[in-house]
Amino acid sequence: MPAVVGAVKVISIGPSSIFHIGDVYMIQPYSEAKTFAGGGSFNTGNGITIQLDQANTTINDQDQFDQIVSSL
């Protein structure tokens, strides 16, 4: 059944966003991210004590380019 949409005002849309009005069958946003962090980097809470004597974060990334950016 078709959707009836009234007036719409868009102020801004982010670079990884989807703007949709009306009926839709499928929306597939696509994004990728790499995050490298050492031990204890993402701990949250009150009163956390972390002791890292000798910590290393080893990264083995075989890609020469992660994202190729070109201007048209």
Protein backbone atom coordinates (compact mmCIF):
# COMPACT_ATOMS: atom_id res chain seq x y z
CA MET A 1 0.00 0.00 0.00
CA PRO A 2 1.51 3.36 -0.95
CA ALA A 3 2.49 5.74 1.81
CA VAL A 4 1.12 9.26 1.96
CA VAL A 5 3.78 11.68 3.17
CA GLY A 6 3.27 15.33 3.98
CA ALA A 7 5.85 18.12 4.05
CA VAL A 8 9.34 17.12 5.20
CA LYS A 9 12.17 19.42 6.27
CA VAL A 10 15.67 17.92 6.42
CA ILE A 11 18.20 19.94 8.39
CA SER A 12 21.22 17.66 7.97
CA ILE A 13 22.18 14.10 7.14
CA GLY A 14 25.38 12.45 8.32
CA PRO A 15 27.84 10.84 5.89
CA SER A 16 26.84 7.28 6.91
CA SER A 17 23.10 7.95 7.11
CA ILE A 18 20.05 6.88 5.13
CA PHE A 19 17.14 9.24 4.47
CA HIS A 20 13.94 7.36 3.80
CA ILE A 21 10.41 8.56 3.03
CA GLY A 22 7.53 6.28 2.15
CA ASP A 23 7.40 2.55 1.51
CA VAL A 24 10.58 0.52 1.38
CA TYR A 25 11.42 -3.12 0.78
CA MET A 26 14.97 -3.23 2.12
CA ILE A 27 17.52 -0.72 3.46
CA GLN A 28 21.11 -1.87 3.85
CA PRO A 29 23.48 0.72 5.28
CA TYR A 30 27.11 -0.27 4.87
CA SER A 31 30.07 0.80 6.96
CA GLU A 32 33.30 -0.67 8.25
CA ALA A 33 35.64 0.37 11.03
CA LYS A 34 38.91 -0.82 12.47
CA THR A 35 39.75 -0.22 16.09
CA PHE A 36 43.10 -1.06 17.63
CA ALA A 37 43.56 -0.65 21.35
CA GLY A 38 45.74 -2.11 24.05
CA GLY A 39 44.80 -4.03 27.16
CA GLY A 40 42.39 -2.21 29.48
CA SER A 41 41.43 0.42 26.90
CA PHE A 42 37.65 -0.05 26.92
CA ASN A 43 37.04 -0.60 30.64
CA THR A 44 34.25 1.48 32.15
CA GLY A 45 32.93 1.80 35.67
CA ASN A 46 33.73 3.20 39.09
CA GLY A 47 36.93 2.28 40.94
CA ILE A 48 38.66 0.21 38.25
CA THR A 49 42.31 -0.60 38.90
CA ILE A 50 44.40 -1.88 35.99
CA GLN A 51 48.03 -2.92 36.17
CA LEU A 52 49.71 -3.63 32.86
CA ASP A 53 53.40 -4.30 33.41
CA GLN A 54 54.47 -4.98 29.82
CA ALA A 55 51.56 -4.67 27.39
CA ASN A 56 51.87 -4.69 23.61
CA THR A 57 49.25 -4.33 20.91
CA THR A 58 50.39 -6.20 17.83
CA ILE A 59 48.68 -5.32 14.55
CA ASN A 60 49.06 -7.47 11.44
CA ASP A 61 47.25 -5.67 8.62
CA GLN A 62 48.11 -7.05 5.18
CA ASP A 63 46.08 -4.43 3.25
CA GLN A 64 48.06 -1.76 1.49
CA PHE A 65 45.01 0.52 1.25
CA ASP A 66 41.92 0.27 3.45
CA GLN A 67 39.80 2.75 1.51
CA ILE A 68 40.69 4.32 -1.81
CA VAL A 69 39.49 7.91 -2.00
CA SER A 70 39.20 9.54 -5.42
CA SER A 71 37.76 12.81 -6.60
CA LEU A 72 35.69 12.96 -9.76
